[in-house]
Each structure stands twice: as C-alpha cells, then as structure tokens.
Amino acid sequence: MEYLDLIKNDDQIFLKYLKAKYPLFHNSIFFFRDLQFGLQKFLEKKGIKISNAEAEKLAYNIGNYLEEKQIFVKVNLSGWRLNYPEFVTTTPGDPL
C-alpha cells in the first residue's frame, strides 16, 4: 500500500499534523476514529483523496506500525495511549 509507505516515511510530520488538529499529548489517549479522519485530512493536504473504507484500513495499519515503534500503546480496541515524550506538556510557569 503506497499510502502506508508515505505515512511511514513522514511519521514525524504526520504526528505533528495530528497534534495540531487533535488534543494529542504524551500519555494522552488517542482514538482510532481520530487516527482515521486525521489520515484522510493529512492525505487531502497532499492532494490525495481516499474513501472512508481505505482510510479505515490505512488507520489500522498505521496504528499497528506506531505500536511496533512503541509510540502507540494499545489501551483497548478503539484507542491507544501516546508514548511520545516530544509531546510532553507542562503547567504554565513550570520549567521544563
């Protein structure tokens, strides 16, 4: 699947895109449907239109890929916990 390779090659950019669109923080929960719709919008920005069914299949594959990289930790069938320290949040005024 060519779209899978496209996302894998740009996984850092893709994650930053998702963070800009969704509340995505280190240790936060991220849902499958948000991944699916985020993928569709990300690809649309690149001029690629895919169906909901294609996006669902792609989201499943990307979810598995991010689990293998230990960026996603499966919580249940509909979501993951994000294990991505680059997206840590702090309380305003607290030093990093």
Protein backbone atom coordinates (compact mmCIF):
# COMPACT_ATOMS: atom_id res chain seq x y z
CA MET A 1 0.00 0.00 0.00
CA GLU A 2 1.69 3.16 -1.21
CA TYR A 3 -0.09 5.45 1.28
CA LEU A 4 1.21 3.37 4.17
CA ASP A 5 4.78 3.94 2.99
CA LEU A 6 4.08 7.65 2.53
CA ILE A 7 2.94 7.96 6.16
CA LYS A 8 5.79 5.77 7.46
CA ASN A 9 8.35 7.94 5.67
CA ASP A 10 6.78 11.10 7.12
CA ASP A 11 5.71 9.72 10.52
CA GLN A 12 7.23 12.65 12.48
CA ILE A 13 5.45 15.18 10.25
CA PHE A 14 2.24 13.15 10.43
CA LEU A 15 2.33 13.10 14.24
CA LYS A 16 2.90 16.87 14.34
CA TYR A 17 -0.04 17.30 11.97
CA LEU A 18 -2.25 15.22 14.29
CA LYS A 19 -1.08 17.24 17.29
CA ALA A 20 -2.12 20.44 15.51
CA LYS A 21 -5.61 19.01 14.80
CA TYR A 22 -6.36 16.93 17.92
CA PRO A 23 -5.55 17.07 21.64
CA LEU A 24 -2.51 14.81 21.28
CA PHE A 25 -0.06 14.87 24.19
CA HIS A 26 2.41 12.44 25.73
CA ASN A 27 0.42 9.83 27.73
CA SER A 28 -2.92 11.04 26.34
CA ILE A 29 -5.47 8.69 24.83
CA PHE A 30 -5.90 8.81 21.05
CA PHE A 31 -8.85 7.12 19.39
CA PHE A 32 -8.93 5.01 16.25
CA ARG A 33 -11.53 7.21 14.51
CA ASP A 34 -9.40 10.31 15.15
CA LEU A 35 -6.49 8.50 13.52
CA GLN A 36 -8.69 7.53 10.56
CA PHE A 37 -10.02 11.03 9.98
CA GLY A 38 -6.61 12.58 10.63
CA LEU A 39 -5.12 10.33 7.95
CA GLN A 40 -7.77 11.36 5.46
CA LYS A 41 -7.19 15.07 6.11
CA PHE A 42 -3.38 14.66 6.05
CA LEU A 43 -3.55 12.94 2.67
CA GLU A 44 -6.01 15.53 1.34
CA LYS A 45 -3.43 18.22 2.16
CA LYS A 46 -1.07 16.29 -0.10
CA GLY A 47 -3.70 16.18 -2.88
CA ILE A 48 -4.68 12.53 -2.25
CA LYS A 49 -8.34 11.63 -1.77
CA ILE A 50 -9.20 8.25 -0.23
CA SER A 51 -12.50 6.66 0.74
CA ASN A 52 -13.60 6.05 4.31
CA ALA A 53 -13.02 2.32 3.82
CA GLU A 54 -9.47 2.92 2.57
CA ALA A 55 -8.81 5.32 5.43
CA GLU A 56 -10.08 2.76 7.96
CA LYS A 57 -7.77 0.07 6.58
CA LEU A 58 -4.86 2.52 6.49
CA ALA A 59 -5.56 3.65 10.08
CA TYR A 60 -5.45 0.04 11.21
CA ASN A 61 -2.06 -0.44 9.51
CA ILE A 62 -0.63 2.86 10.77
CA GLY A 63 -1.86 2.06 14.28
CA ASN A 64 -0.01 -1.25 14.14
CA TYR A 65 3.10 0.47 12.78
CA LEU A 66 3.07 3.06 15.58
CA GLU A 67 2.55 0.26 18.12
CA GLU A 68 5.63 -1.52 16.76
CA LYS A 69 7.60 1.72 17.16
CA GLN A 70 6.19 1.92 20.72
CA ILE A 71 4.72 5.35 20.01
CA PHE A 72 1.21 3.96 20.48
CA VAL A 73 0.41 1.65 23.40
CA LYS A 74 -2.86 -0.24 22.88
CA VAL A 75 -5.41 0.59 25.58
CA ASN A 76 -8.44 -1.11 24.05
CA LEU A 77 -9.92 -1.87 20.63
CA SER A 78 -10.73 1.77 19.98
CA GLY A 79 -7.63 3.59 21.16
CA TRP A 80 -4.07 3.95 22.31
CA ARG A 81 -2.03 5.85 24.86
CA LEU A 82 0.51 8.09 23.19
CA ASN A 83 4.08 7.32 24.28
CA TYR A 84 5.84 10.28 22.69
CA PRO A 85 7.89 12.38 25.14
CA GLU A 86 8.37 15.09 22.49
CA PHE A 87 4.72 16.00 23.14
CA VAL A 88 5.03 16.43 26.93
CA THR A 89 3.01 19.30 28.35
CA THR A 90 3.84 21.39 31.39
CA THR A 91 1.93 23.68 33.66
CA PRO A 92 2.35 27.32 32.64
CA GLY A 93 5.28 28.83 34.51
CA ASP A 94 6.86 25.45 35.31
CA PRO A 95 10.38 24.97 33.98
CA LEU A 96 10.88 22.10 31.54
